[in-house]
N, C-alpha and C. Protein backbone atom coordinates (compact mmCIF):
# COMPACT_ATOMS: atom_id res chain seq x y z
N UNK A 1 61.26 98.84 120.37
CA UNK A 1 62.33 98.07 121.39
C UNK A 1 63.64 99.31 120.39
N UNK A 2 63.86 100.68 120.30
CA UNK A 2 65.04 101.09 119.86
C UNK A 2 66.05 100.34 120.17
N UNK A 3 67.12 100.08 118.85
CA UNK A 3 68.30 100.03 119.48
C UNK A 3 69.61 100.55 119.77
N UNK A 4 69.89 100.72 120.65
CA UNK A 4 70.99 101.91 121.27
C UNK A 4 72.38 101.04 121.26
N UNK A 5 73.06 102.10 120.92
CA UNK A 5 74.60 101.68 121.19
C UNK A 5 75.17 100.79 122.00
N UNK A 6 76.18 99.97 122.06
CA UNK A 6 76.38 99.14 122.86
C UNK A 6 77.67 99.84 123.39
N UNK A 7 78.09 99.23 124.34
CA UNK A 7 79.80 99.86 125.26
C UNK A 7 80.61 98.93 123.92
N UNK A 8 81.56 99.61 124.36
CA UNK A 8 83.18 99.22 123.24
C UNK A 8 83.23 97.76 123.51
N UNK A 9 83.16 97.20 124.94
CA UNK A 9 83.50 96.03 125.18
C UNK A 9 82.29 94.80 125.16
N UNK A 10 81.05 95.17 125.13
CA UNK A 10 80.05 94.21 124.22
C UNK A 10 80.56 93.47 122.96
N UNK A 11 80.41 94.79 122.27
CA UNK A 11 81.01 94.51 120.89
C UNK A 11 82.25 93.85 120.55
N UNK A 12 83.35 94.05 121.18
CA UNK A 12 84.28 93.32 121.02
C UNK A 12 84.34 91.84 121.52
N UNK A 13 83.64 92.10 122.69
CA UNK A 13 83.17 90.11 123.21
C UNK A 13 82.31 90.01 122.22
N UNK A 14 81.65 90.22 121.23
CA UNK A 14 80.51 89.73 120.91
C UNK A 14 81.20 89.32 120.01
N UNK A 15 82.16 90.28 118.74
CA UNK A 15 82.44 89.93 117.02
C UNK A 15 83.23 89.29 117.89
N UNK A 16 83.85 88.32 118.89
CA UNK A 16 85.30 87.23 118.75
C UNK A 16 84.14 86.70 118.94
N UNK A 17 83.19 86.53 119.52
CA UNK A 17 82.28 84.80 119.98
C UNK A 17 81.87 84.42 119.11
N UNK A 18 81.61 85.52 117.13
CA UNK A 18 80.87 85.35 116.35
C UNK A 18 82.15 84.64 115.43
N UNK A 19 83.35 85.56 115.41
CA UNK A 19 84.37 84.82 115.08
C UNK A 19 85.08 83.43 115.02
N UNK A 20 84.24 83.09 116.42
CA UNK A 20 85.27 81.60 117.10
C UNK A 20 84.24 80.39 116.50
N UNK A 21 85.02 79.84 115.79
CA UNK A 21 84.00 78.46 115.37
C UNK A 21 83.43 77.78 115.89
N UNK A 22 84.12 77.29 117.68
CA UNK A 22 83.74 76.54 118.66
C UNK A 22 83.02 77.37 119.37
N UNK A 23 82.18 78.94 119.09
CA UNK A 23 81.65 79.14 119.54
C UNK A 23 80.27 79.31 118.84
N UNK A 24 78.47 79.06 120.02
CA UNK A 24 77.65 78.36 118.81
C UNK A 24 76.91 80.15 118.43
N UNK A 25 77.89 80.91 118.51
CA UNK A 25 77.57 82.36 117.87
C UNK A 25 77.51 82.41 116.81
N UNK A 26 76.46 82.53 115.87
CA UNK A 26 77.16 82.43 114.76
C UNK A 26 77.22 83.92 114.07
N UNK A 27 76.90 85.14 114.61
CA UNK A 27 76.62 86.56 113.80
C UNK A 27 77.02 87.33 114.71
N UNK A 28 77.03 88.62 114.44
CA UNK A 28 76.82 89.90 115.41
C UNK A 28 76.51 90.91 114.35
N UNK A 29 75.26 91.51 115.62
CA UNK A 29 74.32 92.94 114.57
C UNK A 29 75.11 94.09 114.58
N UNK A 30 75.66 94.74 114.71
CA UNK A 30 75.56 96.26 115.03
C UNK A 30 74.83 97.49 114.47
N UNK A 31 74.76 98.19 115.85
CA UNK A 31 73.63 99.36 115.01
C UNK A 31 74.58 100.77 114.65
N UNK A 32 73.98 101.24 113.68
CA UNK A 32 74.57 102.08 112.64
C UNK A 32 76.01 102.72 114.18
N UNK A 33 75.21 103.12 114.71
CA UNK A 33 76.26 104.56 115.98
C UNK A 33 77.35 103.46 116.36
N UNK A 34 77.30 102.34 115.94
CA UNK A 34 78.26 101.21 116.35
C UNK A 34 79.82 100.42 115.17
N UNK A 35 78.81 101.23 113.93
CA UNK A 35 80.00 100.84 112.58
C UNK A 35 81.65 100.90 112.95
N UNK A 36 81.08 102.09 113.70
CA UNK A 36 83.30 102.26 113.33
C UNK A 36 83.75 101.20 114.67
N UNK A 37 83.35 100.54 115.19
CA UNK A 37 83.80 99.89 116.04
C UNK A 37 83.84 98.21 115.49
N UNK A 38 83.99 98.07 114.21
CA UNK A 38 84.14 97.37 113.52
C UNK A 38 85.46 96.87 112.96
N UNK A 39 86.51 96.00 113.40
CA UNK A 39 88.05 96.25 112.31
C UNK A 39 87.54 95.25 111.40
N UNK A 40 88.27 96.18 110.06
CA UNK A 40 87.73 95.50 108.70
C UNK A 40 89.12 94.16 108.47
N UNK A 41 89.74 94.54 109.60
CA UNK A 41 90.87 92.66 109.66
C UNK A 41 89.54 91.92 109.76
N UNK A 42 89.28 91.76 110.05
CA UNK A 42 88.20 90.10 110.50
C UNK A 42 88.22 89.63 108.76
N UNK A 43 88.14 88.52 108.91
CA UNK A 43 88.06 87.71 108.63
C UNK A 43 86.45 87.23 108.10
N UNK A 44 85.79 87.61 108.01
CA UNK A 44 84.27 87.89 107.64
C UNK A 44 83.71 88.37 106.66
N UNK A 45 81.97 87.69 106.59
CA UNK A 45 81.11 88.34 105.84
C UNK A 45 80.67 90.21 106.53
N UNK A 46 80.71 90.99 105.74
CA UNK A 46 80.55 92.26 106.44
C UNK A 46 79.31 93.05 105.56
N UNK A 47 78.69 92.71 105.94
CA UNK A 47 77.06 93.63 105.24
C UNK A 47 76.34 94.81 105.87
N UNK A 48 76.40 95.72 104.88
CA UNK A 48 76.06 96.88 105.92
C UNK A 48 74.43 97.45 105.18
N UNK A 49 73.45 97.65 105.53
CA UNK A 49 72.81 98.04 105.42
C UNK A 49 71.96 99.32 106.41
N UNK A 50 70.87 99.66 105.89
CA UNK A 50 70.39 101.25 107.24
C UNK A 50 70.00 100.81 108.42
N UNK A 51 69.72 100.03 108.50
CA UNK A 51 69.10 98.99 110.46
C UNK A 51 70.88 98.67 110.84
N UNK A 52 71.79 98.50 110.02
CA UNK A 52 72.87 98.47 111.05
C UNK A 52 74.22 97.25 109.92
N UNK A 53 74.79 96.72 110.64
CA UNK A 53 75.72 96.14 109.94
C UNK A 53 75.91 94.56 110.56
N UNK A 54 75.50 93.60 110.10
CA UNK A 54 75.58 91.71 110.01
C UNK A 54 77.19 91.46 110.08
N UNK A 55 78.05 90.87 110.80
CA UNK A 55 79.21 90.47 110.98
C UNK A 55 79.18 88.87 110.62
N UNK A 56 79.22 88.02 110.09
CA UNK A 56 79.08 86.65 110.42
C UNK A 56 80.43 85.80 109.24
N UNK A 57 80.86 84.48 109.75
CA UNK A 57 81.23 83.67 108.98
C UNK A 57 80.99 83.29 107.99
N UNK A 58 79.37 83.23 107.63
CA UNK A 58 78.46 82.25 107.11
C UNK A 58 78.11 83.27 106.26
N UNK A 59 78.26 82.53 104.62
CA UNK A 59 77.59 83.72 104.09
C UNK A 59 76.53 83.16 103.81
N UNK A 60 75.82 82.51 103.70
CA UNK A 60 74.67 82.18 103.94
C UNK A 60 74.11 83.03 104.67
N UNK A 61 74.31 83.54 106.19
CA UNK A 61 73.80 84.53 107.17
C UNK A 61 74.32 86.03 106.14
N UNK A 62 74.85 86.15 105.75
CA UNK A 62 75.45 87.47 105.05
C UNK A 62 74.32 88.06 103.97
N UNK A 63 74.04 86.68 103.10
CA UNK A 63 73.15 86.59 102.15
C UNK A 63 71.94 87.04 102.87
N UNK A 64 71.33 86.43 103.66
CA UNK A 64 69.76 86.12 104.08
C UNK A 64 69.74 87.56 104.65
N UNK A 65 71.26 88.11 104.93
CA UNK A 65 70.38 89.52 106.10
C UNK A 65 70.27 90.43 104.76
N UNK A 66 70.82 90.52 103.86
CA UNK A 66 71.15 91.66 102.68
C UNK A 66 69.70 91.15 101.76
N UNK A 67 69.44 90.09 102.01
CA UNK A 67 68.19 89.73 101.08
C UNK A 67 66.89 90.45 101.87
N UNK A 68 67.10 90.74 103.20
CA UNK A 68 65.53 90.94 104.23
C UNK A 68 64.58 91.95 103.82
N UNK A 69 63.21 91.45 104.28
CA UNK A 69 62.75 92.92 103.61
C UNK A 69 63.19 94.30 104.49
N UNK A 70 62.52 94.94 103.88
CA UNK A 70 62.72 96.30 104.51
C UNK A 70 61.62 96.94 105.62
N UNK A 71 60.47 95.89 105.62
CA UNK A 71 59.50 96.04 106.63
C UNK A 71 59.85 95.65 107.78
N UNK A 72 59.60 96.68 108.78
CA UNK A 72 60.44 96.49 110.48
C UNK A 72 60.40 94.74 110.59
N UNK A 73 58.69 94.75 110.46
CA UNK A 73 58.36 93.69 111.04
C UNK A 73 59.32 92.17 111.12
N UNK A 74 58.97 92.45 109.65
CA UNK A 74 59.82 91.12 108.88
C UNK A 74 61.16 91.06 108.84
N UNK A 75 61.82 92.36 109.35
CA UNK A 75 63.13 92.61 109.23
C UNK A 75 63.63 92.15 110.62
N UNK A 76 62.88 92.38 112.07
CA UNK A 76 63.04 91.98 112.95
C UNK A 76 62.69 90.42 113.03
N UNK A 77 62.06 90.23 112.07
CA UNK A 77 62.07 88.36 112.08
C UNK A 77 63.02 87.79 111.52
N UNK A 78 63.99 88.08 110.88
CA UNK A 78 64.49 87.63 109.95
C UNK A 78 65.83 88.11 110.75
N UNK A 79 65.92 89.02 111.50
CA UNK A 79 67.35 89.06 112.17
C UNK A 79 66.99 87.77 113.45
N UNK A 80 65.54 87.80 113.89
CA UNK A 80 66.01 86.55 115.24
C UNK A 80 66.45 85.18 114.21
N UNK A 81 65.82 85.36 112.96
CA UNK A 81 66.55 84.13 113.09
C UNK A 81 67.67 83.87 113.03
N UNK A 82 68.26 84.62 111.95
CA UNK A 82 70.23 84.96 112.33
C UNK A 82 70.38 85.39 112.89
N UNK A 83 70.48 85.90 114.30
CA UNK A 83 70.99 85.54 115.41
C UNK A 83 70.95 84.90 116.17
N UNK A 84 69.43 83.90 115.80
CA UNK A 84 69.05 82.43 116.58
C UNK A 84 68.39 82.76 117.55
N UNK A 85 68.16 84.14 117.97
CA UNK A 85 66.47 84.55 119.25
C UNK A 85 65.63 82.95 119.02
N UNK A 86 65.09 82.69 119.91
CA UNK A 86 63.67 82.16 120.20
C UNK A 86 62.44 83.45 120.14
N UNK A 87 62.99 84.28 119.51
CA UNK A 87 61.83 84.78 119.16
C UNK A 87 61.86 86.09 119.15
N UNK A 88 61.67 86.73 118.14
CA UNK A 88 61.63 87.85 117.09
C UNK A 88 60.77 89.29 118.01
N UNK A 89 61.45 90.20 118.35
CA UNK A 89 61.36 91.09 118.53
C UNK A 89 59.23 92.07 118.94
N UNK A 90 58.68 91.33 117.05
CA UNK A 90 56.88 91.77 116.94
C UNK A 90 56.07 90.45 118.38
N UNK A 91 57.19 89.10 118.27
CA UNK A 91 56.80 88.33 119.03
C UNK A 91 56.33 88.43 120.19
N UNK A 92 57.77 88.86 120.72
CA UNK A 92 58.24 89.37 122.47
C UNK A 92 57.00 90.62 122.83
N UNK A 93 56.10 91.54 121.67
CA UNK A 93 55.72 92.77 121.71
C UNK A 93 54.37 92.09 122.34
N UNK A 94 54.17 91.48 121.19
CA UNK A 94 52.94 90.29 121.36
C UNK A 94 52.82 89.51 122.52
N UNK A 95 53.57 88.92 122.76
CA UNK A 95 53.34 88.05 123.88
C UNK A 95 52.96 88.85 124.65
N UNK A 96 53.52 90.03 125.31
CA UNK A 96 53.61 90.77 126.34
C UNK A 96 52.63 91.86 126.32
N UNK A 97 52.18 91.55 125.75
CA UNK A 97 50.45 92.42 125.58
C UNK A 97 50.20 93.77 125.43
N UNK A 98 51.42 94.39 124.36
CA UNK A 98 51.61 95.14 124.02
C UNK A 98 52.68 96.10 125.44
N UNK A 99 53.05 95.59 126.75
CA UNK A 99 53.28 96.30 127.05
C UNK A 99 54.88 95.64 127.34
N UNK A 100 56.16 95.76 126.68
CA UNK A 100 57.16 95.00 126.65
C UNK A 100 58.42 95.48 127.72
N UNK A 101 57.89 97.02 128.18
CA UNK A 101 58.93 97.64 128.80
C UNK A 101 58.60 96.99 130.34
N UNK A 102 57.48 96.28 130.54
CA UNK A 102 56.90 95.97 131.95
C UNK A 102 56.98 94.97 132.23
N UNK A 103 56.78 93.63 131.33
CA UNK A 103 56.58 92.19 131.21
C UNK A 103 57.88 91.62 130.15
N UNK A 104 58.38 91.79 129.69
CA UNK A 104 59.42 91.52 128.29
C UNK A 104 61.28 91.48 129.33
N UNK A 105 61.73 90.53 128.87
CA UNK A 105 63.02 90.59 130.42
C UNK A 105 64.38 90.34 128.92
N UNK A 106 65.86 90.79 129.25
CA UNK A 106 66.40 91.20 128.51
C UNK A 106 67.45 89.85 128.71
N UNK A 107 68.04 88.63 128.39
CA UNK A 107 68.32 87.20 128.17
C UNK A 107 69.89 87.71 128.28
N UNK A 108 71.03 88.01 128.94
CA UNK A 108 72.51 87.79 128.45
C UNK A 108 72.95 87.33 128.90
N UNK A 109 74.04 86.57 128.24
CA UNK A 109 75.25 85.59 128.49
C UNK A 109 76.66 86.36 128.51
N UNK A 110 76.90 86.47 129.41
CA UNK A 110 78.15 87.17 129.94
C UNK A 110 79.66 86.53 129.69
N UNK A 111 80.34 87.61 130.03
CA UNK A 111 81.77 86.79 130.10
C UNK A 111 82.02 87.18 131.38
N UNK A 112 83.47 86.81 131.95
CA UNK A 112 83.60 86.37 133.17
C UNK A 112 83.83 87.78 133.34
N UNK A 113 84.31 89.41 132.38
CA UNK A 113 84.68 90.02 132.61
C UNK A 113 82.85 91.01 132.75
N UNK A 114 82.05 90.56 133.00
CA UNK A 114 80.90 91.05 133.01
C UNK A 114 80.10 91.77 131.10
N UNK A 115 81.17 91.64 130.32
CA UNK A 115 81.00 92.07 128.94
C UNK A 115 79.68 90.89 128.50
N UNK A 116 78.33 91.70 127.47
CA UNK A 116 77.88 91.01 126.89
C UNK A 116 78.72 89.89 125.55
N UNK A 117 78.36 88.64 125.79
CA UNK A 117 78.19 87.88 124.66
C UNK A 117 77.52 87.80 123.53
N UNK A 118 76.08 87.65 124.03
CA UNK A 118 74.89 87.51 123.58
C UNK A 118 73.43 88.12 124.09
N UNK A 119 72.29 88.75 123.81
CA UNK A 119 71.47 89.17 124.73
C UNK A 119 70.48 88.94 124.00
N UNK A 120 69.75 88.30 124.22
CA UNK A 120 68.15 87.96 123.18
C UNK A 120 67.04 89.11 124.43
N UNK A 121 65.90 89.29 123.56
CA UNK A 121 64.91 89.88 124.50
C UNK A 121 64.23 88.81 124.75
N UNK A 122 63.19 88.25 125.31
CA UNK A 122 61.86 87.83 125.32
C UNK A 122 60.84 87.79 126.19
N UNK A 123 59.53 87.32 126.54
CA UNK A 123 58.65 87.45 126.48
C UNK A 123 58.58 86.53 127.87
N UNK A 124 57.27 86.73 128.64
CA UNK A 124 57.10 85.79 129.92
C UNK A 124 57.02 84.71 129.38
N UNK A 125 56.49 84.10 128.22
CA UNK A 125 56.18 82.46 127.81
C UNK A 125 57.42 82.17 126.98
N UNK A 126 58.17 82.96 126.65
CA UNK A 126 59.66 82.78 125.74
C UNK A 126 60.98 82.51 126.82
N UNK A 127 60.64 82.64 128.23
CA UNK A 127 62.10 83.03 129.35
C UNK A 127 63.13 81.86 129.12
N UNK A 128 61.95 80.80 129.65
CA UNK A 128 63.12 79.39 129.81
C UNK A 128 63.23 78.54 128.59
N UNK A 129 63.15 79.10 127.37
CA UNK A 129 63.67 78.58 125.42
C UNK A 129 64.96 79.58 125.66
N UNK A 130 64.85 80.90 126.07
CA UNK A 130 65.52 81.58 125.70
C UNK A 130 66.92 81.50 126.63
N UNK A 131 66.29 81.02 127.91
CA UNK A 131 67.45 81.21 128.75
C UNK A 131 68.54 79.57 128.66
N UNK A 132 68.03 78.73 128.29
CA UNK A 132 68.48 77.80 127.31
C UNK A 132 69.45 77.97 126.33
N UNK A 133 68.76 78.60 125.39
CA UNK A 133 69.36 78.68 124.63
C UNK A 133 70.62 79.75 124.64
N UNK A 134 70.42 80.50 125.53
CA UNK A 134 71.78 81.83 125.63
C UNK A 134 72.10 81.04 126.76
N UNK A 135 72.22 80.27 127.24
CA UNK A 135 73.03 79.34 128.48
C UNK A 135 74.00 78.76 127.74
N UNK A 136 74.07 78.20 126.28
CA UNK A 136 75.13 78.37 125.68
C UNK A 136 76.39 78.53 125.32
N UNK A 137 76.06 79.96 125.47
CA UNK A 137 77.09 81.06 125.04
C UNK A 137 77.90 81.59 126.17
N UNK A 138 77.54 81.14 126.83
CA UNK A 138 78.36 81.49 128.10
C UNK A 138 79.43 80.98 128.59
N UNK A 139 80.49 81.44 128.22
CA UNK A 139 82.05 81.43 127.93
C UNK A 139 82.50 80.34 129.98
N UNK A 140 83.38 79.71 129.74
CA UNK A 140 83.92 79.79 131.05
C UNK A 140 84.21 80.57 132.06
N UNK A 141 83.85 80.90 133.43
CA UNK A 141 83.57 82.13 134.13
C UNK A 141 82.68 83.09 134.13
N UNK A 142 82.06 82.96 132.71
CA UNK A 142 80.66 83.66 132.49
C UNK A 142 79.69 83.19 133.50
N UNK A 143 78.65 83.90 133.22
CA UNK A 143 77.41 83.62 133.46
C UNK A 143 76.13 84.44 132.89
N UNK A 144 75.05 83.79 133.29
CA UNK A 144 73.52 83.92 132.82
C UNK A 144 73.12 85.05 133.43
N UNK A 145 72.03 86.37 133.07
CA UNK A 145 71.49 87.46 133.66
C UNK A 145 70.35 87.62 133.81
N UNK A 146 69.39 87.16 133.85
CA UNK A 146 68.12 88.21 133.11
C UNK A 146 67.85 89.59 133.97
N UNK A 147 67.29 90.29 133.01
CA UNK A 147 66.97 91.64 133.25
C UNK A 147 66.04 92.56 132.69
N UNK A 148 65.22 92.84 133.23
CA UNK A 148 63.73 93.80 133.06
C UNK A 148 64.76 94.69 131.90
N UNK A 149 63.90 95.31 129.90
CA UNK A 149 64.43 95.66 129.36
C UNK A 149 65.15 97.11 130.22
N UNK A 150 64.47 97.72 130.73
CA UNK A 150 64.95 99.25 130.99
C UNK A 150 66.48 98.99 131.75
N UNK A 151 66.85 97.86 132.65
CA UNK A 151 67.97 97.54 133.06
C UNK A 151 69.13 97.14 132.44
N UNK A 152 68.58 96.30 131.00
CA UNK A 152 69.99 96.29 130.24
C UNK A 152 70.44 97.94 129.57
N UNK A 153 69.37 98.59 129.17
CA UNK A 153 69.69 99.40 128.34
C UNK A 153 69.86 100.64 129.45
N UNK A 154 69.57 100.70 130.63
CA UNK A 154 70.65 101.82 131.72
C UNK A 154 72.15 101.03 131.60
N UNK A 155 71.99 99.34 131.49
CA UNK A 155 73.73 99.42 131.52
C UNK A 155 74.00 99.39 130.91
N UNK A 156 73.66 99.77 129.31
CA UNK A 156 74.58 100.53 128.02
C UNK A 156 74.85 101.13 127.85
N UNK A 157 73.84 102.19 128.84
CA UNK A 157 74.15 103.74 128.71
C UNK A 157 75.47 103.89 130.34
N UNK A 158 74.71 103.40 131.05
CA UNK A 158 76.19 103.81 132.19
C UNK A 158 77.70 103.42 131.55
N UNK A 159 77.67 101.70 131.07
CA UNK A 159 79.03 101.77 130.37
C UNK A 159 79.63 102.57 129.24
N UNK A 160 78.83 103.08 128.66
CA UNK A 160 78.87 104.06 127.14
C UNK A 160 80.00 105.29 127.54
N UNK A 161 78.70 105.90 128.70
CA UNK A 161 79.21 106.73 129.71
C UNK A 161 80.30 106.72 130.28
N UNK A 162 80.70 105.84 131.21
CA UNK A 162 82.17 105.56 131.68
C UNK A 162 83.50 105.34 130.61
N UNK A 163 82.96 104.92 129.37
CA UNK A 163 83.65 104.32 128.55
C UNK A 163 84.41 105.98 127.96
N UNK A 164 83.35 106.45 127.60
CA UNK A 164 83.15 108.73 126.89
C UNK A 164 84.46 109.18 128.32
N UNK A 165 83.86 108.74 129.54
CA UNK A 165 84.96 110.09 130.26
C UNK A 165 86.30 109.35 130.51
N UNK A 166 86.12 108.17 130.12
CA UNK A 166 88.00 107.35 130.10
C UNK A 166 88.20 107.61 128.80
N UNK A 167 87.95 108.47 127.91
CA UNK A 167 88.30 108.51 126.91
C UNK A 167 88.44 107.69 125.67
């Protein structure tokens, strides 16, 4: 599951949630291609590594991210812990018998405008727990959505293309 850049609206929504002390989202991870969308006026800890940038109000999460192992599997497990995901990417792949494109699901907490507040991938055995965790991230007027990985990535690509066309 290669990180795919996200639509600007999703990044704005995720950063706003991570900066809101009343919201359960504690951190936002931004892939390198989207780094330029992070406003530098945020009162946050912003840590950048080759894998991407973490934005958080929590100094402990920032330190945990900065010191995370470089090994991809261990890094993914660290990210799941920081972002509050019930399953890490390696666990999702293992629980999907090695075919996450067919068996995994993307659970999305969406705001009223349809932007992603939080998204977590899970295996069939993790779907109920992941849905319960992410339901707490749904703001008033929003909803919880469950998609296939291809649908979730396709959504990102379509919205980014629309943003590029609209300037």
